[in-house]
Amino acid sequence: MDSNYVKLSNSEKGLFYRVVKLNDEKIALRLTQLGFHESSLVMLKRKAPIFKDPLLFQVGESQIALTRKEAETIDVLEVQGEHYHE
């Protein structure tokens, strides 16, 4: 794995990431159906206040909540120069 890749669970709020790889075959189909395709742009919008789980992501026009464990199975690469502004 490239040293620049991070787990989606470690992404920073408001930054865009490109999905590089789905690492868990058991949930890869579900993640793909939700919009987490390889090369998709994703952005962390919120973390739950108490335990920081689940995480809310913007994927295209959709907002998808994933558990931290699910997000750990997705390798992403930060897209430089892209930031989300509410």
PDB file of N, CA and C in Angstrom:
ATOM      1  N   MET A   1       0.841  -1.187   0.000  1.00  0.00           N
ATOM      2  CA  MET A   1       0.000   0.000   0.000  1.00  0.00           C
ATOM      3  C   MET A   1       0.883   1.247   0.000  1.00  0.00           C
ATOM      4  N   ASP A   2       0.531   2.232  -0.794  1.00  0.00           N
ATOM      5  CA  ASP A   2       1.243   3.498  -0.878  1.00  0.00           C
ATOM      6  C   ASP A   2       1.184   4.199   0.472  1.00  0.00           C
ATOM      7  N   SER A   3       2.296   4.826   0.880  1.00  0.00           N
ATOM      8  CA  SER A   3       2.356   5.482   2.196  1.00  0.00           C
ATOM      9  C   SER A   3       1.434   6.693   2.291  1.00  0.00           C
ATOM     10  N   ASN A   4       0.947   7.211   1.152  1.00  0.00           N
ATOM     11  CA  ASN A   4       0.047   8.353   1.185  1.00  0.00           C
ATOM     12  C   ASN A   4      -1.405   7.959   1.416  1.00  0.00           C
ATOM     13  N   TYR A   5      -1.708   6.668   1.291  1.00  0.00           N
ATOM     14  CA  TYR A   5      -3.072   6.199   1.509  1.00  0.00           C
ATOM     15  C   TYR A   5      -3.389   6.248   2.994  1.00  0.00           C
ATOM     16  N   VAL A   6      -4.631   6.553   3.305  1.00  0.00           N
ATOM     17  CA  VAL A   6      -5.104   6.506   4.690  1.00  0.00           C
ATOM     18  C   VAL A   6      -6.405   5.717   4.714  1.00  0.00           C
ATOM     19  N   LYS A   7      -6.778   5.275   5.881  1.00  0.00           N
ATOM     20  CA  LYS A   7      -8.073   4.629   6.052  1.00  0.00           C
ATOM     21  C   LYS A   7      -9.129   5.728   6.101  1.00  0.00           C
ATOM     22  N   LEU A   8     -10.265   5.477   5.496  1.00  0.00           N
ATOM     23  CA  LEU A   8     -11.338   6.478   5.498  1.00  0.00           C
ATOM     24  C   LEU A   8     -11.735   6.855   6.924  1.00  0.00           C
ATOM     25  N   SER A   9     -11.601   5.922   7.848  1.00  0.00           N
ATOM     26  CA  SER A   9     -11.930   6.200   9.254  1.00  0.00           C
ATOM     27  C   SER A   9     -11.008   7.258   9.862  1.00  0.00           C
ATOM     28  N   ASN A  10      -9.840   7.483   9.258  1.00  0.00           N
ATOM     29  CA  ASN A  10      -8.883   8.485   9.753  1.00  0.00           C
ATOM     30  C   ASN A  10      -8.918   9.783   8.956  1.00  0.00           C
ATOM     31  N   SER A  11      -9.920   9.934   8.094  1.00  0.00           N
ATOM     32  CA  SER A  11     -10.002  11.139   7.272  1.00  0.00           C
ATOM     33  C   SER A  11     -10.333  12.361   8.126  1.00  0.00           C
ATOM     34  N   GLU A  12      -9.973  13.519   7.607  1.00  0.00           N
ATOM     35  CA  GLU A  12     -10.235  14.770   8.310  1.00  0.00           C
ATOM     36  C   GLU A  12     -11.505  15.420   7.769  1.00  0.00           C
ATOM     37  N   LYS A  13     -12.269  15.980   8.679  1.00  0.00           N
ATOM     38  CA  LYS A  13     -13.530  16.628   8.324  1.00  0.00           C
ATOM     39  C   LYS A  13     -13.297  17.748   7.311  1.00  0.00           C
ATOM     40  N   GLY A  14     -14.126  17.758   6.254  1.00  0.00           N
ATOM     41  CA  GLY A  14     -14.089  18.841   5.287  1.00  0.00           C
ATOM     42  C   GLY A  14     -13.111  18.664   4.144  1.00  0.00           C
ATOM     43  N   LEU A  15     -12.276  17.620   4.170  1.00  0.00           N
ATOM     44  CA  LEU A  15     -11.333  17.375   3.075  1.00  0.00           C
ATOM     45  C   LEU A  15     -11.885  16.283   2.170  1.00  0.00           C
ATOM     46  N   PHE A  16     -11.542  16.366   0.894  1.00  0.00           N
ATOM     47  CA  PHE A  16     -11.991  15.349  -0.054  1.00  0.00           C
ATOM     48  C   PHE A  16     -10.935  14.270  -0.218  1.00  0.00           C
ATOM     49  N   TYR A  17     -11.430  13.055  -0.378  1.00  0.00           N
ATOM     50  CA  TYR A  17     -10.572  11.892  -0.569  1.00  0.00           C
ATOM     51  C   TYR A  17     -11.101  11.093  -1.748  1.00  0.00           C
ATOM     52  N   ARG A  18     -10.197  10.437  -2.451  1.00  0.00           N
ATOM     53  CA  ARG A  18     -10.578   9.557  -3.547  1.00  0.00           C
ATOM     54  C   ARG A  18     -10.436   8.118  -3.061  1.00  0.00           C
ATOM     55  N   VAL A  19     -11.490   7.320  -3.258  1.00  0.00           N
ATOM     56  CA  VAL A  19     -11.454   5.915  -2.853  1.00  0.00           C
ATOM     57  C   VAL A  19     -10.459   5.178  -3.746  1.00  0.00           C
ATOM     58  N   VAL A  20      -9.538   4.464  -3.104  1.00  0.00           N
ATOM     59  CA  VAL A  20      -8.514   3.718  -3.826  1.00  0.00           C
ATOM     60  C   VAL A  20      -8.832   2.228  -3.823  1.00  0.00           C
ATOM     61  N   LYS A  21      -9.268   1.717  -2.660  1.00  0.00           N
ATOM     62  CA  LYS A  21      -9.496   0.277  -2.563  1.00  0.00           C
ATOM     63  C   LYS A  21     -10.480  -0.048  -1.447  1.00  0.00           C
ATOM     64  N   LEU A  22     -11.363  -1.020  -1.724  1.00  0.00           N
ATOM     65  CA  LEU A  22     -12.252  -1.583  -0.707  1.00  0.00           C
ATOM     66  C   LEU A  22     -11.610  -2.895  -0.271  1.00  0.00           C
ATOM     67  N   ASN A  23     -11.247  -3.007   1.002  1.00  0.00           N
ATOM     68  CA  ASN A  23     -10.430  -4.123   1.476  1.00  0.00           C
ATOM     69  C   ASN A  23     -11.193  -5.294   2.071  1.00  0.00           C
ATOM     70  N   ASP A  24     -12.484  -5.178   2.283  1.00  0.00           N
ATOM     71  CA  ASP A  24     -13.244  -6.263   2.900  1.00  0.00           C
ATOM     72  C   ASP A  24     -14.280  -6.775   1.908  1.00  0.00           C
ATOM     73  N   GLU A  25     -14.023  -7.935   1.334  1.00  0.00           N
ATOM     74  CA  GLU A  25     -14.924  -8.483   0.320  1.00  0.00           C
ATOM     75  C   GLU A  25     -16.331  -8.725   0.861  1.00  0.00           C
ATOM     76  N   LYS A  26     -16.458  -8.953   2.162  1.00  0.00           N
ATOM     77  CA  LYS A  26     -17.762  -9.232   2.760  1.00  0.00           C
ATOM     78  C   LYS A  26     -18.710  -8.039   2.670  1.00  0.00           C
ATOM     79  N   ILE A  27     -18.174  -6.830   2.741  1.00  0.00           N
ATOM     80  CA  ILE A  27     -19.038  -5.640   2.687  1.00  0.00           C
ATOM     81  C   ILE A  27     -18.792  -4.771   1.453  1.00  0.00           C
ATOM     82  N   ALA A  28     -17.882  -5.199   0.577  1.00  0.00           N
ATOM     83  CA  ALA A  28     -17.544  -4.395  -0.607  1.00  0.00           C
ATOM     84  C   ALA A  28     -18.752  -4.155  -1.504  1.00  0.00           C
ATOM     85  N   LEU A  29     -19.605  -5.160  -1.694  1.00  0.00           N
ATOM     86  CA  LEU A  29     -20.784  -4.982  -2.544  1.00  0.00           C
ATOM     87  C   LEU A  29     -21.714  -3.929  -1.957  1.00  0.00           C
ATOM     88  N   ARG A  30     -21.957  -4.007  -0.654  1.00  0.00           N
ATOM     89  CA  ARG A  30     -22.821  -3.010   0.005  1.00  0.00           C
ATOM     90  C   ARG A  30     -22.232  -1.614  -0.121  1.00  0.00           C
ATOM     91  N   LEU A  31     -20.926  -1.473   0.112  1.00  0.00           N
ATOM     92  CA  LEU A  31     -20.281  -0.170   0.014  1.00  0.00           C
ATOM     93  C   LEU A  31     -20.376   0.372  -1.410  1.00  0.00           C
ATOM     94  N   THR A  32     -20.198  -0.499  -2.390  1.00  0.00           N
ATOM     95  CA  THR A  32     -20.308  -0.091  -3.791  1.00  0.00           C
ATOM     96  C   THR A  32     -21.724   0.392  -4.092  1.00  0.00           C
ATOM     97  N   GLN A  33     -22.720  -0.325  -3.588  1.00  0.00           N
ATOM     98  CA  GLN A  33     -24.107   0.080  -3.799  1.00  0.00           C
ATOM     99  C   GLN A  33     -24.410   1.431  -3.155  1.00  0.00           C
ATOM    100  N   LEU A  34     -23.700   1.765  -2.083  1.00  0.00           N
ATOM    101  CA  LEU A  34     -23.886   3.048  -1.407  1.00  0.00           C
ATOM    102  C   LEU A  34     -23.134   4.186  -2.095  1.00  0.00           C
ATOM    103  N   GLY A  35     -22.268   3.860  -3.060  1.00  0.00           N
ATOM    104  CA  GLY A  35     -21.548   4.898  -3.794  1.00  0.00           C
ATOM    105  C   GLY A  35     -20.055   4.932  -3.559  1.00  0.00           C
ATOM    106  N   PHE A  36     -19.536   4.035  -2.741  1.00  0.00           N
ATOM    107  CA  PHE A  36     -18.101   4.002  -2.458  1.00  0.00           C
ATOM    108  C   PHE A  36     -17.388   3.139  -3.496  1.00  0.00           C
ATOM    109  N   HIS A  37     -17.304   3.648  -4.732  1.00  0.00           N
ATOM    110  CA  HIS A  37     -16.619   2.957  -5.820  1.00  0.00           C
ATOM    111  C   HIS A  37     -15.166   3.386  -5.810  1.00  0.00           C
ATOM    112  N   GLU A  38     -14.294   2.547  -6.366  1.00  0.00           N
ATOM    113  CA  GLU A  38     -12.915   2.989  -6.550  1.00  0.00           C
ATOM    114  C   GLU A  38     -12.938   4.220  -7.440  1.00  0.00           C
ATOM    115  N   SER A  39     -12.249   5.243  -7.043  1.00  0.00           N
ATOM    116  CA  SER A  39     -12.128   6.564  -7.683  1.00  0.00           C
ATOM    117  C   SER A  39     -13.240   7.537  -7.291  1.00  0.00           C
ATOM    118  N   SER A  40     -14.218   7.118  -6.481  1.00  0.00           N
ATOM    119  CA  SER A  40     -15.252   8.052  -5.998  1.00  0.00           C
ATOM    120  C   SER A  40     -14.634   9.092  -5.067  1.00  0.00           C
ATOM    121  N   LEU A  41     -15.195  10.303  -5.105  1.00  0.00           N
ATOM    122  CA  LEU A  41     -14.791  11.334  -4.150  1.00  0.00           C
ATOM    123  C   LEU A  41     -15.679  11.230  -2.914  1.00  0.00           C
ATOM    124  N   VAL A  42     -15.049  11.286  -1.736  1.00  0.00           N
ATOM    125  CA  VAL A  42     -15.775  11.198  -0.473  1.00  0.00           C
ATOM    126  C   VAL A  42     -15.253  12.273   0.468  1.00  0.00           C
ATOM    127  N   MET A  43     -16.140  12.744   1.336  1.00  0.00           N
ATOM    128  CA  MET A  43     -15.741  13.763   2.296  1.00  0.00           C
ATOM    129  C   MET A  43     -16.433  13.498   3.625  1.00  0.00           C
ATOM    130  N   LEU A  44     -15.658  13.532   4.699  1.00  0.00           N
ATOM    131  CA  LEU A  44     -16.209  13.367   6.044  1.00  0.00           C
ATOM    132  C   LEU A  44     -16.917  14.655   6.443  1.00  0.00           C
ATOM    133  N   LYS A  45     -18.210  14.541   6.761  1.00  0.00           N
ATOM    134  CA  LYS A  45     -18.993  15.708   7.181  1.00  0.00           C
ATOM    135  C   LYS A  45     -19.070  15.816   8.698  1.00  0.00           C
ATOM    136  N   ARG A  46     -19.314  14.673   9.374  1.00  0.00           N
ATOM    137  CA  ARG A  46     -19.502  14.713  10.830  1.00  0.00           C
ATOM    138  C   ARG A  46     -19.101  13.397  11.466  1.00  0.00           C
ATOM    139  N   LYS A  47     -18.733  13.514  12.741  1.00  0.00           N
ATOM    140  CA  LYS A  47     -18.537  12.345  13.595  1.00  0.00           C
ATOM    141  C   LYS A  47     -19.571  12.437  14.702  1.00  0.00           C
ATOM    142  N   ALA A  48     -20.122  11.301  15.111  1.00  0.00           N
ATOM    143  CA  ALA A  48     -21.079  11.316  16.219  1.00  0.00           C
ATOM    144  C   ALA A  48     -20.391  11.918  17.441  1.00  0.00           C
ATOM    145  N   PRO A  49     -21.091  12.737  18.221  1.00  0.00           N
ATOM    146  CA  PRO A  49     -20.459  13.494  19.297  1.00  0.00           C
ATOM    147  C   PRO A  49     -19.873  12.672  20.447  1.00  0.00           C
ATOM    148  N   ILE A  50     -20.490  11.584  20.827  1.00  0.00           N
ATOM    149  CA  ILE A  50     -20.031  10.874  22.021  1.00  0.00           C
ATOM    150  C   ILE A  50     -18.864   9.932  21.730  1.00  0.00           C
ATOM    151  N   PHE A  51     -19.098   8.928  20.912  1.00  0.00           N
ATOM    152  CA  PHE A  51     -18.070   7.913  20.671  1.00  0.00           C
ATOM    153  C   PHE A  51     -17.403   8.070  19.309  1.00  0.00           C
ATOM    154  N   LYS A  52     -17.728   9.144  18.594  1.00  0.00           N
ATOM    155  CA  LYS A  52     -17.189   9.399  17.249  1.00  0.00           C
ATOM    156  C   LYS A  52     -17.575   8.290  16.270  1.00  0.00           C
ATOM    157  N   ASP A  53     -18.697   7.639  16.538  1.00  0.00           N
ATOM    158  CA  ASP A  53     -19.165   6.544  15.700  1.00  0.00           C
ATOM    159  C   ASP A  53     -20.682   6.582  15.701  1.00  0.00           C
ATOM    160  N   PRO A  54     -21.378   6.632  14.603  1.00  0.00           N
ATOM    161  CA  PRO A  54     -20.902   6.482  13.234  1.00  0.00           C
ATOM    162  C   PRO A  54     -20.323   7.779  12.663  1.00  0.00           C
ATOM    163  N   LEU A  55     -19.824   7.654  11.443  1.00  0.00           N
ATOM    164  CA  LEU A  55     -19.253   8.768  10.705  1.00  0.00           C
ATOM    165  C   LEU A  55     -20.174   9.079   9.531  1.00  0.00           C
ATOM    166  N   LEU A  56     -20.390  10.358   9.255  1.00  0.00           N
ATOM    167  CA  LEU A  56     -21.257  10.760   8.147  1.00  0.00           C
ATOM    168  C   LEU A  56     -20.398  11.271   6.995  1.00  0.00           C
ATOM    169  N   PHE A  57     -20.567  10.647   5.831  1.00  0.00           N
ATOM    170  CA  PHE A  57     -19.786  10.996   4.649  1.00  0.00           C
ATOM    171  C   PHE A  57     -20.676  11.544   3.551  1.00  0.00           C
ATOM    172  N   GLN A  58     -20.141  12.474   2.776  1.00  0.00           N
ATOM    173  CA  GLN A  58     -20.768  12.960   1.553  1.00  0.00           C
ATOM    174  C   GLN A  58     -20.150  12.168   0.410  1.00  0.00           C
ATOM    175  N   VAL A  59     -21.001  11.497  -0.361  1.00  0.00           N
ATOM    176  CA  VAL A  59     -20.563  10.735  -1.537  1.00  0.00           C
ATOM    177  C   VAL A  59     -21.476  11.163  -2.673  1.00  0.00           C
ATOM    178  N   GLY A  60     -20.964  11.935  -3.594  1.00  0.00           N
ATOM    179  CA  GLY A  60     -21.815  12.486  -4.650  1.00  0.00           C
ATOM    180  C   GLY A  60     -22.877  13.368  -4.027  1.00  0.00           C
ATOM    181  N   GLU A  61     -24.137  13.118  -4.354  1.00  0.00           N
ATOM    182  CA  GLU A  61     -25.248  13.897  -3.805  1.00  0.00           C
ATOM    183  C   GLU A  61     -25.820  13.269  -2.534  1.00  0.00           C
ATOM    184  N   SER A  62     -25.253  12.160  -2.099  1.00  0.00           N
ATOM    185  CA  SER A  62     -25.788  11.423  -0.945  1.00  0.00           C
ATOM    186  C   SER A  62     -24.948  11.615   0.303  1.00  0.00           C
ATOM    187  N   GLN A  63     -25.610  11.489   1.445  1.00  0.00           N
ATOM    188  CA  GLN A  63     -24.913  11.458   2.731  1.00  0.00           C
ATOM    189  C   GLN A  63     -25.107  10.058   3.302  1.00  0.00           C
ATOM    190  N   ILE A  64     -23.995   9.398   3.605  1.00  0.00           N
ATOM    191  CA  ILE A  64     -24.011   8.005   4.042  1.00  0.00           C
ATOM    192  C   ILE A  64     -23.311   7.898   5.394  1.00  0.00           C
ATOM    193  N   ALA A  65     -23.963   7.214   6.339  1.00  0.00           N
ATOM    194  CA  ALA A  65     -23.351   6.960   7.644  1.00  0.00           C
ATOM    195  C   ALA A  65     -22.715   5.576   7.623  1.00  0.00           C
ATOM    196  N   LEU A  66     -21.459   5.518   8.035  1.00  0.00           N
ATOM    197  CA  LEU A  66     -20.741   4.253   8.180  1.00  0.00           C
ATOM    198  C   LEU A  66     -20.219   4.149   9.597  1.00  0.00           C
ATOM    199  N   THR A  67     -20.111   2.930  10.083  1.00  0.00           N
ATOM    200  CA  THR A  67     -19.443   2.741  11.370  1.00  0.00           C
ATOM    201  C   THR A  67     -17.949   2.954  11.148  1.00  0.00           C
ATOM    202  N   ARG A  68     -17.249   3.230  12.212  1.00  0.00           N
ATOM    203  CA  ARG A  68     -15.798   3.393  12.124  1.00  0.00           C
ATOM    204  C   ARG A  68     -15.167   2.110  11.564  1.00  0.00           C
ATOM    205  N   LYS A  69     -15.685   0.959  11.993  1.00  0.00           N
ATOM    206  CA  LYS A  69     -15.157  -0.334  11.534  1.00  0.00           C
ATOM    207  C   LYS A  69     -15.323  -0.492  10.019  1.00  0.00           C
ATOM    208  N   GLU A  70     -16.480  -0.074   9.478  1.00  0.00           N
ATOM    209  CA  GLU A  70     -16.698  -0.135   8.029  1.00  0.00           C
ATOM    210  C   GLU A  70     -15.748   0.818   7.304  1.00  0.00           C
ATOM    211  N   ALA A  71     -15.589   2.021   7.837  1.00  0.00           N
ATOM    212  CA  ALA A  71     -14.721   3.021   7.206  1.00  0.00           C
ATOM    213  C   ALA A  71     -13.258   2.595   7.225  1.00  0.00           C
ATOM    214  N   GLU A  72     -12.869   1.772   8.191  1.00  0.00           N
ATOM    215  CA  GLU A  72     -11.487   1.274   8.262  1.00  0.00           C
ATOM    216  C   GLU A  72     -11.151   0.334   7.112  1.00  0.00           C
ATOM    217  N   THR A  73     -12.155  -0.192   6.433  1.00  0.00           N
ATOM    218  CA  THR A  73     -11.903  -1.134   5.339  1.00  0.00           C
ATOM    219  C   THR A  73     -11.687  -0.434   4.002  1.00  0.00           C
ATOM    220  N   ILE A  74     -11.748   0.901   3.985  1.00  0.00           N
ATOM    221  CA  ILE A  74     -11.642   1.665   2.737  1.00  0.00           C
ATOM    222  C   ILE A  74     -10.352   2.479   2.743  1.00  0.00           C
ATOM    223  N   ASP A  75      -9.488   2.221   1.755  1.00  0.00           N
ATOM    224  CA  ASP A  75      -8.270   3.014   1.582  1.00  0.00           C
ATOM    225  C   ASP A  75      -8.593   4.205   0.697  1.00  0.00           C
ATOM    226  N   VAL A  76      -8.121   5.379   1.101  1.00  0.00           N
ATOM    227  CA  VAL A  76      -8.366   6.597   0.338  1.00  0.00           C
ATOM    228  C   VAL A  76      -7.087   7.407   0.210  1.00  0.00           C
ATOM    229  N   LEU A  77      -7.108   8.341  -0.703  1.00  0.00           N
ATOM    230  CA  LEU A  77      -6.001   9.255  -0.936  1.00  0.00           C
ATOM    231  C   LEU A  77      -6.562  10.668  -0.926  1.00  0.00           C
ATOM    232  N   GLU A  78      -5.957  11.557  -0.153  1.00  0.00           N
ATOM    233  CA  GLU A  78      -6.452  12.937  -0.088  1.00  0.00           C
ATOM    234  C   GLU A  78      -6.305  13.619  -1.434  1.00  0.00           C
ATOM    235  N   VAL A  79      -7.356  14.352  -1.819  1.00  0.00           N
ATOM    236  CA  VAL A  79      -7.346  15.120  -3.064  1.00  0.00           C
ATOM    237  C   VAL A  79      -6.923  16.533  -2.689  1.00  0.00           C
ATOM    238  N   GLN A  80      -5.730  16.911  -3.087  1.00  0.00           N
ATOM    239  CA  GLN A  80      -5.176  18.216  -2.736  1.00  0.00           C
ATOM    240  C   GLN A  80      -5.981  19.345  -3.359  1.00  0.00           C
ATOM    241  N   GLY A  81      -6.199  20.398  -2.591  1.00  0.00           N
ATOM    242  CA  GLY A  81      -6.863  21.592  -3.108  1.00  0.00           C
ATOM    243  C   GLY A  81      -8.375  21.541  -3.068  1.00  0.00           C
ATOM    244  N   GLU A  82      -8.957  20.423  -2.669  1.00  0.00           N
ATOM    245  CA  GLU A  82     -10.411  20.307  -2.583  1.00  0.00           C
ATOM    246  C   GLU A  82     -10.828  20.407  -1.126  1.00  0.00           C
ATOM    247  N   HIS A  83     -11.702  21.348  -0.819  1.00  0.00           N
ATOM    248  CA  HIS A  83     -12.225  21.500   0.536  1.00  0.00           C
ATOM    249  C   HIS A  83     -13.715  21.764   0.460  1.00  0.00           C
ATOM    250  N   TYR A  84     -14.417  21.342   1.477  1.00  0.00           N
ATOM    251  CA  TYR A  84     -15.857  21.522   1.547  1.00  0.00           C
ATOM    252  C   TYR A  84     -16.152  22.764   2.375  1.00  0.00           C
ATOM    253  N   HIS A  85     -17.063  23.565   1.909  1.00  0.00           N
ATOM    254  CA  HIS A  85     -17.464  24.768   2.643  1.00  0.00           C
ATOM    255  C   HIS A  85     -18.967  24.749   2.845  1.00  0.00           C
ATOM    256  N   GLU A  86     -19.420  24.763   4.107  1.00  0.00           N
ATOM    257  CA  GLU A  86     -20.857  24.774   4.393  1.00  0.00           C
ATOM    258  C   GLU A  86     -21.357  26.187   4.436  1.00  0.00           C
TER     259      GLU A  86
END
